[in-house]
PDB file of all heavy atoms in Angstrom:
ATOM      1  N   ILE A   1      33.685  51.644   6.883  1.00  0.00           N
ATOM      2  CA  ILE A   1      34.311  52.247   8.061  1.00  0.00           C
ATOM      3  C   ILE A   1      34.789  51.165   9.015  1.00  0.00           C
ATOM      4  O   ILE A   1      35.922  51.192   9.499  1.00  0.00           O
ATOM      5  CB  ILE A   1      33.325  53.201   8.773  1.00  0.00           C
ATOM      6  CG1 ILE A   1      33.049  54.412   7.882  1.00  0.00           C
ATOM      7  CG2 ILE A   1      33.851  53.631  10.141  1.00  0.00           C
ATOM      8  CD1 ILE A   1      31.828  55.208   8.289  1.00  0.00           C
ATOM      9  N   ILE A   2      33.950  50.206   9.296  1.00  0.00           N
ATOM     10  CA  ILE A   2      34.283  49.134  10.228  1.00  0.00           C
ATOM     11  C   ILE A   2      35.516  48.361   9.757  1.00  0.00           C
ATOM     12  O   ILE A   2      36.385  48.014  10.550  1.00  0.00           O
ATOM     13  CB  ILE A   2      33.079  48.182  10.425  1.00  0.00           C
ATOM     14  CG1 ILE A   2      31.944  48.925  11.142  1.00  0.00           C
ATOM     15  CG2 ILE A   2      33.495  46.926  11.188  1.00  0.00           C
ATOM     16  CD1 ILE A   2      30.608  48.216  11.091  1.00  0.00           C
ATOM     17  N   ASN A   3      35.608  48.122   8.463  1.00  0.00           N
ATOM     18  CA  ASN A   3      36.679  47.287   7.919  1.00  0.00           C
ATOM     19  C   ASN A   3      37.801  48.076   7.254  1.00  0.00           C
ATOM     20  O   ASN A   3      38.635  47.489   6.555  1.00  0.00           O
ATOM     21  CB  ASN A   3      36.077  46.299   6.920  1.00  0.00           C
ATOM     22  CG  ASN A   3      35.059  45.406   7.586  1.00  0.00           C
ATOM     23  OD1 ASN A   3      35.320  44.799   8.613  1.00  0.00           O
ATOM     24  ND2 ASN A   3      33.862  45.342   7.014  1.00  0.00           N
ATOM     25  N   ALA A   4      37.857  49.381   7.474  1.00  0.00           N
ATOM     26  CA  ALA A   4      38.898  50.211   6.862  1.00  0.00           C
ATOM     27  C   ALA A   4      40.280  49.771   7.339  1.00  0.00           C
ATOM     28  O   ALA A   4      40.426  49.225   8.440  1.00  0.00           O
ATOM     29  CB  ALA A   4      38.666  51.677   7.216  1.00  0.00           C
ATOM     30  N   PRO A   5      41.294  49.995   6.517  1.00  0.00           N
ATOM     31  CA  PRO A   5      42.659  49.646   6.924  1.00  0.00           C
ATOM     32  C   PRO A   5      43.052  50.369   8.215  1.00  0.00           C
ATOM     33  O   PRO A   5      42.504  51.425   8.548  1.00  0.00           O
ATOM     34  CB  PRO A   5      43.523  50.135   5.764  1.00  0.00           C
ATOM     35  CG  PRO A   5      42.594  50.278   4.611  1.00  0.00           C
ATOM     36  CD  PRO A   5      41.250  50.583   5.189  1.00  0.00           C
ATOM     37  N   LEU A   6      44.012  49.795   8.901  1.00  0.00           N
ATOM     38  CA  LEU A   6      44.489  50.367  10.151  1.00  0.00           C
ATOM     39  C   LEU A   6      45.207  51.686   9.883  1.00  0.00           C
ATOM     40  O   LEU A   6      46.290  51.719   9.300  1.00  0.00           O
ATOM     41  CB  LEU A   6      45.430  49.380  10.847  1.00  0.00           C
ATOM     42  CG  LEU A   6      45.974  49.806  12.203  1.00  0.00           C
ATOM     43  CD1 LEU A   6      44.831  50.052  13.176  1.00  0.00           C
ATOM     44  CD2 LEU A   6      46.911  48.747  12.743  1.00  0.00           C
ATOM     45  N   ALA A   7      44.556  52.753  10.227  1.00  0.00           N
ATOM     46  CA  ALA A   7      45.092  54.103  10.052  1.00  0.00           C
ATOM     47  C   ALA A   7      44.143  55.045  10.784  1.00  0.00           C
ATOM     48  O   ALA A   7      42.995  54.675  11.064  1.00  0.00           O
ATOM     49  CB  ALA A   7      45.146  54.473   8.572  1.00  0.00           C
ATOM     50  N   PRO A   8      44.603  56.248  11.117  1.00  0.00           N
ATOM     51  CA  PRO A   8      43.663  57.207  11.710  1.00  0.00           C
ATOM     52  C   PRO A   8      42.456  57.383  10.784  1.00  0.00           C
ATOM     53  O   PRO A   8      42.601  57.388   9.555  1.00  0.00           O
ATOM     54  CB  PRO A   8      44.481  58.492  11.799  1.00  0.00           C
ATOM     55  CG  PRO A   8      45.903  58.018  11.883  1.00  0.00           C
ATOM     56  CD  PRO A   8      45.936  56.799  10.991  1.00  0.00           C
ATOM     57  N   LEU A   9      41.296  57.518  11.385  1.00  0.00           N
ATOM     58  CA  LEU A   9      40.068  57.588  10.607  1.00  0.00           C
ATOM     59  C   LEU A   9      39.127  58.596  11.245  1.00  0.00           C
ATOM     60  O   LEU A   9      38.914  58.572  12.456  1.00  0.00           O
ATOM     61  CB  LEU A   9      39.415  56.194  10.579  1.00  0.00           C
ATOM     62  CG  LEU A   9      38.132  56.015   9.810  1.00  0.00           C
ATOM     63  CD1 LEU A   9      38.374  56.211   8.318  1.00  0.00           C
ATOM     64  CD2 LEU A   9      37.584  54.606  10.052  1.00  0.00           C
ATOM     65  N   ARG A  10      38.581  59.468  10.455  1.00  0.00           N
ATOM     66  CA  ARG A  10      37.584  60.429  10.933  1.00  0.00           C
ATOM     67  C   ARG A  10      36.274  60.119  10.230  1.00  0.00           C
ATOM     68  O   ARG A  10      36.232  59.967   9.009  1.00  0.00           O
ATOM     69  CB  ARG A  10      37.997  61.865  10.631  1.00  0.00           C
ATOM     70  CG  ARG A  10      36.963  62.880  11.125  1.00  0.00           C
ATOM     71  CD  ARG A  10      37.423  64.304  10.963  1.00  0.00           C
ATOM     72  NE  ARG A  10      37.320  64.859   9.633  1.00  0.00           N
ATOM     73  CZ  ARG A  10      36.193  65.328   9.076  1.00  0.00           C
ATOM     74  NH1 ARG A  10      35.061  65.263   9.710  1.00  0.00           N
ATOM     75  NH2 ARG A  10      36.205  65.855   7.879  1.00  0.00           N
ATOM     76  N   VAL A  11      35.211  60.026  11.013  1.00  0.00           N
ATOM     77  CA  VAL A  11      33.886  59.744  10.466  1.00  0.00           C
ATOM     78  C   VAL A  11      32.984  60.920  10.795  1.00  0.00           C
ATOM     79  O   VAL A  11      32.873  61.316  11.947  1.00  0.00           O
ATOM     80  CB  VAL A  11      33.299  58.442  11.071  1.00  0.00           C
ATOM     81  CG1 VAL A  11      31.886  58.214  10.575  1.00  0.00           C
ATOM     82  CG2 VAL A  11      34.190  57.266  10.745  1.00  0.00           C
ATOM     83  N   ALA A  12      32.365  61.477   9.788  1.00  0.00           N
ATOM     84  CA  ALA A  12      31.423  62.574   9.978  1.00  0.00           C
ATOM     85  C   ALA A  12      30.136  62.214   9.247  1.00  0.00           C
ATOM     86  O   ALA A  12      30.169  61.824   8.085  1.00  0.00           O
ATOM     87  CB  ALA A  12      31.989  63.878   9.430  1.00  0.00           C
ATOM     88  N   ALA A  13      29.030  62.301   9.952  1.00  0.00           N
ATOM     89  CA  ALA A  13      27.731  61.995   9.358  1.00  0.00           C
ATOM     90  C   ALA A  13      26.663  62.703  10.178  1.00  0.00           C
ATOM     91  O   ALA A  13      26.919  63.143  11.301  1.00  0.00           O
ATOM     92  CB  ALA A  13      27.492  60.494   9.335  1.00  0.00           C
ATOM     93  N   GLY A  14      25.482  62.774   9.641  1.00  0.00           N
ATOM     94  CA  GLY A  14      24.386  63.474  10.300  1.00  0.00           C
ATOM     95  C   GLY A  14      23.808  62.728  11.488  1.00  0.00           C
ATOM     96  O   GLY A  14      24.166  61.586  11.777  1.00  0.00           O
ATOM     97  N   ALA A  15      22.883  63.389  12.157  1.00  0.00           N
ATOM     98  CA  ALA A  15      22.225  62.815  13.326  1.00  0.00           C
ATOM     99  C   ALA A  15      21.453  61.561  12.948  1.00  0.00           C
ATOM    100  O   ALA A  15      20.830  61.496  11.887  1.00  0.00           O
ATOM    101  CB  ALA A  15      21.282  63.845  13.934  1.00  0.00           C
ATOM    102  N   GLY A  16      21.522  60.560  13.804  1.00  0.00           N
ATOM    103  CA  GLY A  16      20.735  59.344  13.609  1.00  0.00           C
ATOM    104  C   GLY A  16      21.245  58.413  12.533  1.00  0.00           C
ATOM    105  O   GLY A  16      20.513  57.539  12.075  1.00  0.00           O
ATOM    106  N   THR A  17      22.507  58.569  12.130  1.00  0.00           N
ATOM    107  CA  THR A  17      23.040  57.736  11.049  1.00  0.00           C
ATOM    108  C   THR A  17      23.785  56.504  11.540  1.00  0.00           C
ATOM    109  O   THR A  17      24.274  55.723  10.735  1.00  0.00           O
ATOM    110  CB  THR A  17      23.967  58.555  10.141  1.00  0.00           C
ATOM    111  OG1 THR A  17      25.022  59.114  10.932  1.00  0.00           O
ATOM    112  CG2 THR A  17      23.201  59.660   9.418  1.00  0.00           C
ATOM    113  N   GLY A  18      23.909  56.353  12.857  1.00  0.00           N
ATOM    114  CA  GLY A  18      24.571  55.169  13.392  1.00  0.00           C
ATOM    115  C   GLY A  18      26.063  55.316  13.604  1.00  0.00           C
ATOM    116  O   GLY A  18      26.791  54.330  13.647  1.00  0.00           O
ATOM    117  N   LYS A  19      26.525  56.553  13.783  1.00  0.00           N
ATOM    118  CA  LYS A  19      27.963  56.780  13.986  1.00  0.00           C
ATOM    119  C   LYS A  19      28.481  56.060  15.220  1.00  0.00           C
ATOM    120  O   LYS A  19      29.526  55.408  15.165  1.00  0.00           O
ATOM    121  CB  LYS A  19      28.262  58.281  14.119  1.00  0.00           C
ATOM    122  CG  LYS A  19      28.044  59.086  12.858  1.00  0.00           C
ATOM    123  CD  LYS A  19      28.324  60.562  13.080  1.00  0.00           C
ATOM    124  CE  LYS A  19      27.436  61.210  14.117  1.00  0.00           C
ATOM    125  NZ  LYS A  19      26.012  61.279  13.794  1.00  0.00           N
ATOM    126  N   THR A  20      27.789  56.169  16.332  1.00  0.00           N
ATOM    127  CA  THR A  20      28.258  55.575  17.578  1.00  0.00           C
ATOM    128  C   THR A  20      28.292  54.053  17.477  1.00  0.00           C
ATOM    129  O   THR A  20      29.273  53.415  17.870  1.00  0.00           O
ATOM    130  CB  THR A  20      27.376  56.027  18.751  1.00  0.00           C
ATOM    131  OG1 THR A  20      27.386  57.462  18.808  1.00  0.00           O
ATOM    132  CG2 THR A  20      27.869  55.481  20.073  1.00  0.00           C
ATOM    133  N   THR A  21      27.261  53.459  16.922  1.00  0.00           N
ATOM    134  CA  THR A  21      27.228  52.007  16.741  1.00  0.00           C
ATOM    135  C   THR A  21      28.325  51.562  15.783  1.00  0.00           C
ATOM    136  O   THR A  21      29.020  50.563  16.026  1.00  0.00           O
ATOM    137  CB  THR A  21      25.850  51.561  16.219  1.00  0.00           C
ATOM    138  OG1 THR A  21      24.857  51.951  17.172  1.00  0.00           O
ATOM    139  CG2 THR A  21      25.794  50.059  16.020  1.00  0.00           C
ATOM    140  N   THR A  22      28.515  52.306  14.706  1.00  0.00           N
ATOM    141  CA  THR A  22      29.558  51.971  13.743  1.00  0.00           C
ATOM    142  C   THR A  22      30.928  52.064  14.397  1.00  0.00           C
ATOM    143  O   THR A  22      31.781  51.185  14.200  1.00  0.00           O
ATOM    144  CB  THR A  22      29.474  52.906  12.520  1.00  0.00           C
ATOM    145  OG1 THR A  22      28.181  52.762  11.924  1.00  0.00           O
ATOM    146  CG2 THR A  22      30.544  52.580  11.493  1.00  0.00           C
ATOM    147  N   LEU A  23      31.158  53.102  15.194  1.00  0.00           N
ATOM    148  CA  LEU A  23      32.436  53.248  15.887  1.00  0.00           C
ATOM    149  C   LEU A  23      32.664  52.090  16.852  1.00  0.00           C
ATOM    150  O   LEU A  23      33.779  51.558  16.940  1.00  0.00           O
ATOM    151  CB  LEU A  23      32.493  54.590  16.622  1.00  0.00           C
ATOM    152  CG  LEU A  23      33.782  54.911  17.369  1.00  0.00           C
ATOM    153  CD1 LEU A  23      34.997  54.824  16.453  1.00  0.00           C
ATOM    154  CD2 LEU A  23      33.694  56.281  18.010  1.00  0.00           C
ATOM    155  N   ALA A  24      31.642  51.668  17.566  1.00  0.00           N
ATOM    156  CA  ALA A  24      31.783  50.531  18.478  1.00  0.00           C
ATOM    157  C   ALA A  24      32.172  49.270  17.708  1.00  0.00           C
ATOM    158  O   ALA A  24      33.038  48.502  18.147  1.00  0.00           O
ATOM    159  CB  ALA A  24      30.484  50.308  19.252  1.00  0.00           C
ATOM    160  N   HIS A  25      31.575  49.058  16.565  1.00  0.00           N
ATOM    161  CA  HIS A  25      31.921  47.889  15.753  1.00  0.00           C
ATOM    162  C   HIS A  25      33.323  48.024  15.159  1.00  0.00           C
ATOM    163  O   HIS A  25      34.030  47.027  15.006  1.00  0.00           O
ATOM    164  CB  HIS A  25      30.864  47.651  14.672  1.00  0.00           C
ATOM    165  CG  HIS A  25      29.636  47.008  15.214  1.00  0.00           C
ATOM    166  ND1 HIS A  25      29.481  45.652  15.298  1.00  0.00           N
ATOM    167  CD2 HIS A  25      28.509  47.546  15.729  1.00  0.00           C
ATOM    168  CE1 HIS A  25      28.309  45.369  15.831  1.00  0.00           C
ATOM    169  NE2 HIS A  25      27.702  46.520  16.113  1.00  0.00           N
ATOM    170  N   ARG A  26      33.732  49.233  14.842  1.00  0.00           N
ATOM    171  CA  ARG A  26      35.103  49.472  14.367  1.00  0.00           C
ATOM    172  C   ARG A  26      36.098  49.094  15.456  1.00  0.00           C
ATOM    173  O   ARG A  26      37.096  48.420  15.210  1.00  0.00           O
ATOM    174  CB  ARG A  26      35.261  50.935  13.963  1.00  0.00           C
ATOM    175  CG  ARG A  26      36.676  51.406  13.722  1.00  0.00           C
ATOM    176  CD  ARG A  26      37.195  50.992  12.384  1.00  0.00           C
ATOM    177  NE  ARG A  26      38.495  51.612  12.126  1.00  0.00           N
ATOM    178  CZ  ARG A  26      39.360  51.160  11.272  1.00  0.00           C
ATOM    179  NH1 ARG A  26      39.079  50.105  10.536  1.00  0.00           N
ATOM    180  NH2 ARG A  26      40.509  51.749  11.092  1.00  0.00           N
ATOM    181  N   VAL A  27      35.839  49.521  16.682  1.00  0.00           N
ATOM    182  CA  VAL A  27      36.712  49.169  17.805  1.00  0.00           C
ATOM    183  C   VAL A  27      36.761  47.660  17.967  1.00  0.00           C
ATOM    184  O   VAL A  27      37.834  47.067  18.127  1.00  0.00           O
ATOM    185  CB  VAL A  27      36.252  49.860  19.107  1.00  0.00           C
ATOM    186  CG1 VAL A  27      36.992  49.305  20.310  1.00  0.00           C
ATOM    187  CG2 VAL A  27      36.444  51.362  19.009  1.00  0.00           C
ATOM    188  N   GLY A  28      35.588  47.003  17.906  1.00  0.00           N
ATOM    189  CA  GLY A  28      35.551  45.551  18.014  1.00  0.00           C
ATOM    190  C   GLY A  28      36.373  44.873  16.933  1.00  0.00           C
ATOM    191  O   GLY A  28      37.118  43.914  17.202  1.00  0.00           O
ATOM    192  N   ALA A  29      36.287  45.376  15.705  1.00  0.00           N
ATOM    193  CA  ALA A  29      37.058  44.800  14.596  1.00  0.00           C
ATOM    194  C   ALA A  29      38.551  45.027  14.799  1.00  0.00           C
ATOM    195  O   ALA A  29      39.361  44.132  14.520  1.00  0.00           O
ATOM    196  CB  ALA A  29      36.602  45.403  13.264  1.00  0.00           C
ATOM    197  N   LEU A  30      38.936  46.188  15.277  1.00  0.00           N
ATOM    198  CA  LEU A  30      40.355  46.452  15.511  1.00  0.00           C
ATOM    199  C   LEU A  30      40.915  45.530  16.591  1.00  0.00           C
ATOM    200  O   LEU A  30      42.032  45.023  16.477  1.00  0.00           O
ATOM    201  CB  LEU A  30      40.577  47.915  15.915  1.00  0.00           C
ATOM    202  CG  LEU A  30      40.362  48.949  14.812  1.00  0.00           C
ATOM    203  CD1 LEU A  30      40.430  50.362  15.398  1.00  0.00           C
ATOM    204  CD2 LEU A  30      41.380  48.787  13.701  1.00  0.00           C
ATOM    205  N   VAL A  31      40.127  45.298  17.630  1.00  0.00           N
ATOM    206  CA  VAL A  31      40.577  44.433  18.725  1.00  0.00           C
ATOM    207  C   VAL A  31      40.632  42.975  18.282  1.00  0.00           C
ATOM    208  O   VAL A  31      41.636  42.292  18.487  1.00  0.00           O
ATOM    209  CB  VAL A  31      39.668  44.614  19.963  1.00  0.00           C
ATOM    210  CG1 VAL A  31      39.974  43.574  21.033  1.00  0.00           C
ATOM    211  CG2 VAL A  31      39.823  46.025  20.527  1.00  0.00           C
ATOM    212  N   THR A  32      39.581  42.499  17.635  1.00  0.00           N
ATOM    213  CA  THR A  32      39.532  41.076  17.283  1.00  0.00           C
ATOM    214  C   THR A  32      40.300  40.730  16.019  1.00  0.00           C
ATOM    215  O   THR A  32      40.948  39.691  15.964  1.00  0.00           O
ATOM    216  CB  THR A  32      38.079  40.589  17.130  1.00  0.00           C
ATOM    217  OG1 THR A  32      37.437  41.340  16.109  1.00  0.00           O
ATOM    218  CG2 THR A  32      37.307  40.717  18.427  1.00  0.00           C
ATOM    219  N   ASP A  33      40.275  41.600  15.019  1.00  0.00           N
ATOM    220  CA  ASP A  33      40.901  41.275  13.732  1.00  0.00           C
ATOM    221  C   ASP A  33      42.339  41.786  13.617  1.00  0.00           C
ATOM    222  O   ASP A  33      43.138  41.186  12.904  1.00  0.00           O
ATOM    223  CB  ASP A  33      40.085  41.848  12.568  1.00  0.00           C
ATOM    224  CG  ASP A  33      38.668  41.295  12.525  1.00  0.00           C
ATOM    225  OD1 ASP A  33      38.424  40.221  13.102  1.00  0.00           O
ATOM    226  OD2 ASP A  33      37.815  41.955  11.915  1.00  0.00           O
ATOM    227  N   GLN A  34      42.646  42.887  14.291  1.00  0.00           N
ATOM    228  CA  GLN A  34      43.966  43.490  14.169  1.00  0.00           C
ATOM    229  C   GLN A  34      44.839  43.294  15.404  1.00  0.00           C
ATOM    230  O   GLN A  34      46.003  43.670  15.403  1.00  0.00           O
ATOM    231  CB  GLN A  34      43.841  44.997  13.879  1.00  0.00           C
ATOM    232  CG  GLN A  34      43.104  45.342  12.615  1.00  0.00           C
ATOM    233  CD  GLN A  34      43.924  45.041  11.372  1.00  0.00           C
ATOM    234  OE1 GLN A  34      45.137  45.078  11.390  1.00  0.00           O
ATOM    235  NE2 GLN A  34      43.240  44.735  10.287  1.00  0.00           N
ATOM    236  N   GLY A  35      44.240  42.752  16.479  1.00  0.00           N
ATOM    237  CA  GLY A  35      45.011  42.528  17.697  1.00  0.00           C
ATOM    238  C   GLY A  35      45.404  43.794  18.443  1.00  0.00           C
ATOM    239  O   GLY A  35      46.357  43.802  19.208  1.00  0.00           O
ATOM    240  N   ILE A  36      44.659  44.859  18.231  1.00  0.00           N
ATOM    241  CA  ILE A  36      44.938  46.133  18.899  1.00  0.00           C
ATOM    242  C   ILE A  36      44.348  46.082  20.304  1.00  0.00           C
ATOM    243  O   ILE A  36      43.206  45.663  20.499  1.00  0.00           O
ATOM    244  CB  ILE A  36      44.319  47.313  18.119  1.00  0.00           C
ATOM    245  CG1 ILE A  36      44.767  47.319  16.661  1.00  0.00           C
ATOM    246  CG2 ILE A  36      44.614  48.640  18.810  1.00  0.00           C
ATOM    247  CD1 ILE A  36      46.243  47.475  16.465  1.00  0.00           C
TER     248      ILE A  36
END
């Protein structure tokens, strides 16, 4: 998820699976690696 290609992405997972943390790291990767 963090390193997925630049495109709209929907993540669905159960409670306590780290969705919010993963999304934060995805945003960080998009900003630092993709220049978004």
